[in-house]
Each structure stands twice: as structure tokens, then as C-alpha cells.
């Protein structure tokens, strides 16, 4: 394949990875804000906030961990790709 096609493919893959990474963090922030809103509404309406707090104790750390793992994998893959490109250009 020509060098131009390879560069275009890498840019498309990078854009897809970046979009995926951005969307997962937007999702995590939205879920966190939604759960915090549920807790504040339950307190405001003199309802028992136990269910909302129980859900938040599980959901927020799980989503945060998944987003962190995706970010870690993305950064690790980019470092490896950069290192491989650097090594191949030195040869």
C-alpha cells in the first residue's frame, strides 16, 4: 500500500479511538451527575435516599474504572505505536 493510504488509515483509527475515549468520559460524567441529582431529589422530597446512595456506591466506581482502563489502554497503545514508528524510521 502506498504511504498516503497508510497515513489516512492511521488518522481514521486515531479519530475513532479519540471519539470512543471522549464518549466514555462524557457517559461517566453524565451518569455521575444523574445519580447525584437523584440523591438530591430524594433528600429534597423527604424520601429515603438509600436506594440512590446504594446505586451510586456501585455504579460510579464501576463506570469510572471502565473509563480509566479504556484511557490507560489508549495511552499505552499510542506510546507503543510511537515507539515502533520511531524504531522503524531509524532503520
N, C-alpha and C. Protein backbone atom coordinates (compact mmCIF):
# COMPACT_ATOMS: atom_id res chain seq x y z
N UNK A 1 0.84 -1.19 0.00
CA UNK A 1 0.00 0.00 0.00
C UNK A 1 0.88 1.24 0.00
N UNK A 2 0.32 2.26 -0.52
CA UNK A 2 1.10 3.49 -0.56
C UNK A 2 1.13 4.14 0.82
N UNK A 3 2.11 4.98 1.00
CA UNK A 3 2.30 5.65 2.28
C UNK A 3 1.13 6.56 2.62
N UNK A 4 0.52 7.16 1.61
CA UNK A 4 -0.61 8.06 1.82
C UNK A 4 -1.82 7.32 2.38
N UNK A 5 -2.08 6.11 1.88
CA UNK A 5 -3.21 5.32 2.35
C UNK A 5 -2.99 4.90 3.80
N UNK A 6 -1.78 4.49 4.13
CA UNK A 6 -1.46 4.08 5.50
C UNK A 6 -1.64 5.25 6.46
N UNK A 7 -1.19 6.42 6.08
CA UNK A 7 -1.33 7.60 6.93
C UNK A 7 -2.81 7.93 7.12
N UNK A 8 -3.60 7.85 6.07
CA UNK A 8 -5.03 8.12 6.16
C UNK A 8 -5.71 7.11 7.07
N UNK A 9 -5.36 5.84 6.95
CA UNK A 9 -5.94 4.81 7.81
C UNK A 9 -5.59 5.06 9.27
N UNK A 10 -4.36 5.43 9.56
CA UNK A 10 -3.96 5.71 10.94
C UNK A 10 -4.71 6.90 11.51
N UNK A 11 -4.94 7.91 10.69
CA UNK A 11 -5.70 9.08 11.16
C UNK A 11 -7.14 8.72 11.46
N UNK A 12 -7.74 7.88 10.63
CA UNK A 12 -9.12 7.45 10.86
C UNK A 12 -9.21 6.62 12.13
N UNK A 13 -8.27 5.71 12.32
CA UNK A 13 -8.26 4.89 13.53
C UNK A 13 -8.06 5.75 14.77
N UNK A 14 -7.15 6.71 14.70
CA UNK A 14 -6.91 7.61 15.82
C UNK A 14 -8.17 8.42 16.14
N UNK A 15 -8.85 8.91 15.11
CA UNK A 15 -10.08 9.68 15.33
C UNK A 15 -11.15 8.82 15.99
N UNK A 16 -11.30 7.57 15.55
CA UNK A 16 -12.28 6.67 16.14
C UNK A 16 -11.95 6.37 17.59
N UNK A 17 -10.68 6.17 17.89
CA UNK A 17 -10.26 5.92 19.27
C UNK A 17 -10.50 7.14 20.15
N UNK A 18 -10.20 8.31 19.63
CA UNK A 18 -10.39 9.54 20.39
C UNK A 18 -11.87 9.80 20.64
N UNK A 19 -12.71 9.55 19.65
CA UNK A 19 -14.16 9.70 19.82
C UNK A 19 -14.67 8.72 20.87
N UNK A 20 -14.21 7.49 20.81
CA UNK A 20 -14.61 6.48 21.79
C UNK A 20 -14.20 6.89 23.20
N UNK A 21 -12.99 7.39 23.33
CA UNK A 21 -12.49 7.83 24.62
C UNK A 21 -13.30 9.02 25.15
N UNK A 22 -13.59 9.96 24.29
CA UNK A 22 -14.37 11.13 24.70
C UNK A 22 -15.79 10.74 25.11
N UNK A 23 -16.41 9.86 24.35
CA UNK A 23 -17.78 9.45 24.65
C UNK A 23 -17.88 8.69 25.96
N UNK A 24 -16.91 7.85 26.27
CA UNK A 24 -16.98 7.12 27.54
C UNK A 24 -16.86 8.07 28.72
N UNK A 25 -16.01 9.10 28.61
CA UNK A 25 -15.89 10.05 29.71
C UNK A 25 -17.13 10.94 29.83
N UNK A 26 -17.73 11.30 28.70
CA UNK A 26 -18.99 12.05 28.75
C UNK A 26 -20.07 11.20 29.40
N UNK A 27 -20.10 9.91 29.06
CA UNK A 27 -21.06 8.99 29.66
C UNK A 27 -20.86 8.87 31.17
N UNK A 28 -19.61 8.74 31.61
CA UNK A 28 -19.32 8.62 33.05
C UNK A 28 -19.74 9.89 33.79
N UNK A 29 -19.44 11.04 33.23
CA UNK A 29 -19.82 12.30 33.87
C UNK A 29 -21.34 12.44 33.91
N UNK A 30 -22.02 12.07 32.82
CA UNK A 30 -23.48 12.16 32.79
C UNK A 30 -24.12 11.23 33.81
N UNK A 31 -23.64 10.01 33.91
CA UNK A 31 -24.18 9.05 34.89
C UNK A 31 -23.96 9.57 36.31
N UNK A 32 -22.77 10.10 36.58
CA UNK A 32 -22.47 10.63 37.91
C UNK A 32 -23.38 11.80 38.25
N UNK A 33 -23.56 12.72 37.33
CA UNK A 33 -24.44 13.86 37.58
C UNK A 33 -25.89 13.43 37.76
N UNK A 34 -26.32 12.43 36.98
CA UNK A 34 -27.68 11.93 37.10
C UNK A 34 -27.92 11.30 38.48
N UNK A 35 -26.97 10.50 38.93
CA UNK A 35 -27.12 9.85 40.23
C UNK A 35 -27.08 10.88 41.35
N UNK A 36 -26.19 11.86 41.26
CA UNK A 36 -26.16 12.92 42.27
C UNK A 36 -27.47 13.71 42.27
N UNK A 37 -28.06 13.91 41.10
CA UNK A 37 -29.35 14.57 41.02
C UNK A 37 -30.43 13.73 41.69
N UNK A 38 -30.39 12.41 41.50
CA UNK A 38 -31.36 11.53 42.16
C UNK A 38 -31.24 11.62 43.68
N UNK A 39 -30.03 11.67 44.18
CA UNK A 39 -29.82 11.77 45.63
C UNK A 39 -30.36 13.09 46.14
N UNK A 40 -30.04 14.18 45.45
CA UNK A 40 -30.53 15.49 45.92
C UNK A 40 -32.05 15.58 45.84
N UNK A 41 -32.65 15.00 44.80
CA UNK A 41 -34.12 14.99 44.71
C UNK A 41 -34.76 14.18 45.81
N UNK A 42 -34.16 13.05 46.15
CA UNK A 42 -34.74 12.23 47.21
C UNK A 42 -34.64 12.94 48.56
N UNK A 43 -33.58 13.69 48.79
CA UNK A 43 -33.46 14.47 50.03
C UNK A 43 -34.45 15.62 50.02
N UNK A 44 -34.56 16.30 48.88
CA UNK A 44 -35.48 17.43 48.75
C UNK A 44 -36.93 17.02 48.94
N UNK A 45 -37.30 15.84 48.48
CA UNK A 45 -38.68 15.35 48.58
C UNK A 45 -38.93 14.56 49.86
N UNK A 46 -37.98 14.62 50.79
CA UNK A 46 -38.07 13.89 52.07
C UNK A 46 -38.31 12.40 51.85
N UNK A 47 -37.69 11.88 50.85
CA UNK A 47 -37.76 10.46 50.54
C UNK A 47 -36.49 9.80 51.10
N UNK A 48 -36.48 8.49 51.17
CA UNK A 48 -35.30 7.78 51.65
C UNK A 48 -34.27 7.73 50.53
N UNK A 49 -33.10 8.34 50.72
CA UNK A 49 -32.09 8.34 49.65
C UNK A 49 -31.27 7.05 49.60
N UNK A 50 -31.66 6.05 50.37
CA UNK A 50 -30.88 4.82 50.46
C UNK A 50 -30.66 4.12 49.15
N UNK A 51 -31.71 4.02 48.32
CA UNK A 51 -31.57 3.32 47.04
C UNK A 51 -30.62 4.09 46.12
N UNK A 52 -30.77 5.40 46.08
CA UNK A 52 -29.89 6.20 45.21
C UNK A 52 -28.45 6.14 45.68
N UNK A 53 -28.25 6.15 46.97
CA UNK A 53 -26.89 6.06 47.51
C UNK A 53 -26.32 4.67 47.24
N UNK A 54 -27.14 3.64 47.38
CA UNK A 54 -26.68 2.28 47.11
C UNK A 54 -26.27 2.09 45.66
N UNK A 55 -27.08 2.63 44.76
CA UNK A 55 -26.75 2.54 43.33
C UNK A 55 -25.47 3.31 43.05
N UNK A 56 -25.34 4.50 43.64
CA UNK A 56 -24.17 5.32 43.36
C UNK A 56 -22.88 4.70 43.90
N UNK A 57 -22.97 3.97 45.01
CA UNK A 57 -21.78 3.33 45.57
C UNK A 57 -21.22 2.25 44.64
N UNK A 58 -22.09 1.67 43.83
CA UNK A 58 -21.65 0.65 42.89
C UNK A 58 -21.39 1.23 41.51
N UNK A 59 -22.33 2.00 40.99
CA UNK A 59 -22.28 2.44 39.59
C UNK A 59 -21.14 3.41 39.30
N UNK A 60 -20.98 4.42 40.14
CA UNK A 60 -19.96 5.44 39.86
C UNK A 60 -18.55 4.85 39.81
N UNK A 61 -18.13 4.06 40.81
CA UNK A 61 -16.78 3.48 40.71
C UNK A 61 -16.61 2.50 39.54
N UNK A 62 -17.66 1.76 39.20
CA UNK A 62 -17.56 0.81 38.09
C UNK A 62 -17.36 1.55 36.78
N UNK A 63 -18.19 2.56 36.51
CA UNK A 63 -18.05 3.32 35.27
C UNK A 63 -16.74 4.09 35.23
N UNK A 64 -16.33 4.64 36.36
CA UNK A 64 -15.06 5.36 36.41
C UNK A 64 -13.89 4.42 36.13
N UNK A 65 -13.93 3.22 36.69
CA UNK A 65 -12.87 2.23 36.46
C UNK A 65 -12.82 1.81 34.99
N UNK A 66 -13.98 1.56 34.39
CA UNK A 66 -14.00 1.17 32.98
C UNK A 66 -13.45 2.29 32.08
N UNK A 67 -13.83 3.52 32.37
CA UNK A 67 -13.32 4.65 31.58
C UNK A 67 -11.81 4.81 31.78
N UNK A 68 -11.35 4.60 33.00
CA UNK A 68 -9.91 4.70 33.27
C UNK A 68 -9.12 3.62 32.54
N UNK A 69 -9.66 2.40 32.52
CA UNK A 69 -8.99 1.31 31.80
C UNK A 69 -8.93 1.59 30.30
N UNK A 70 -10.01 2.13 29.74
CA UNK A 70 -10.00 2.47 28.33
C UNK A 70 -8.97 3.56 28.04
N UNK A 71 -8.89 4.54 28.92
CA UNK A 71 -7.90 5.62 28.75
C UNK A 71 -6.49 5.06 28.86
N UNK A 72 -6.27 4.19 29.83
CA UNK A 72 -4.94 3.58 30.02
C UNK A 72 -4.53 2.78 28.78
N UNK A 73 -5.47 2.00 28.23
CA UNK A 73 -5.17 1.21 27.04
C UNK A 73 -4.89 2.11 25.84
N UNK A 74 -5.65 3.18 25.70
CA UNK A 74 -5.45 4.11 24.59
C UNK A 74 -4.07 4.75 24.66
N UNK A 75 -3.70 5.23 25.84
CA UNK A 75 -2.39 5.87 26.01
C UNK A 75 -1.27 4.86 25.79
N UNK A 76 -1.43 3.65 26.32
CA UNK A 76 -0.41 2.61 26.14
C UNK A 76 -0.23 2.23 24.68
N UNK A 77 -1.33 2.11 23.95
CA UNK A 77 -1.23 1.78 22.53
C UNK A 77 -0.56 2.90 21.74
N UNK A 78 -0.87 4.12 22.09
CA UNK A 78 -0.26 5.25 21.39
C UNK A 78 1.25 5.32 21.67
N UNK A 79 1.66 5.04 22.91
CA UNK A 79 3.09 5.04 23.24
C UNK A 79 3.81 3.94 22.46
N UNK A 80 3.21 2.74 22.40
CA UNK A 80 3.82 1.64 21.65
C UNK A 80 3.89 1.96 20.16
N UNK A 81 2.84 2.55 19.62
CA UNK A 81 2.84 2.90 18.20
C UNK A 81 3.93 3.93 17.91
N UNK A 82 4.05 4.93 18.80
CA UNK A 82 5.07 5.95 18.61
C UNK A 82 6.47 5.34 18.67
N UNK A 83 6.67 4.43 19.63
CA UNK A 83 7.97 3.78 19.77
C UNK A 83 8.29 2.93 18.54
N UNK A 84 7.30 2.19 18.03
CA UNK A 84 7.53 1.38 16.83
C UNK A 84 7.82 2.25 15.60
N UNK A 85 7.10 3.34 15.47
CA UNK A 85 7.35 4.25 14.34
C UNK A 85 8.74 4.86 14.44
N UNK A 86 9.15 5.19 15.66
CA UNK A 86 10.47 5.78 15.87
C UNK A 86 11.56 4.76 15.52
N UNK A 87 11.39 3.52 15.95
CA UNK A 87 12.37 2.48 15.67
C UNK A 87 12.44 2.16 14.18
N UNK A 88 11.30 2.14 13.50
CA UNK A 88 11.31 1.81 12.07
C UNK A 88 11.89 2.94 11.25
N UNK A 89 11.75 4.19 11.72
CA UNK A 89 12.34 5.30 10.97
C UNK A 89 13.84 5.39 11.15
N UNK A 90 14.37 4.83 12.25
CA UNK A 90 15.81 4.84 12.49
C UNK A 90 16.51 3.79 11.64
N UNK A 91 15.80 2.78 11.21
CA UNK A 91 16.43 1.68 10.45
C UNK A 91 16.72 2.07 9.03
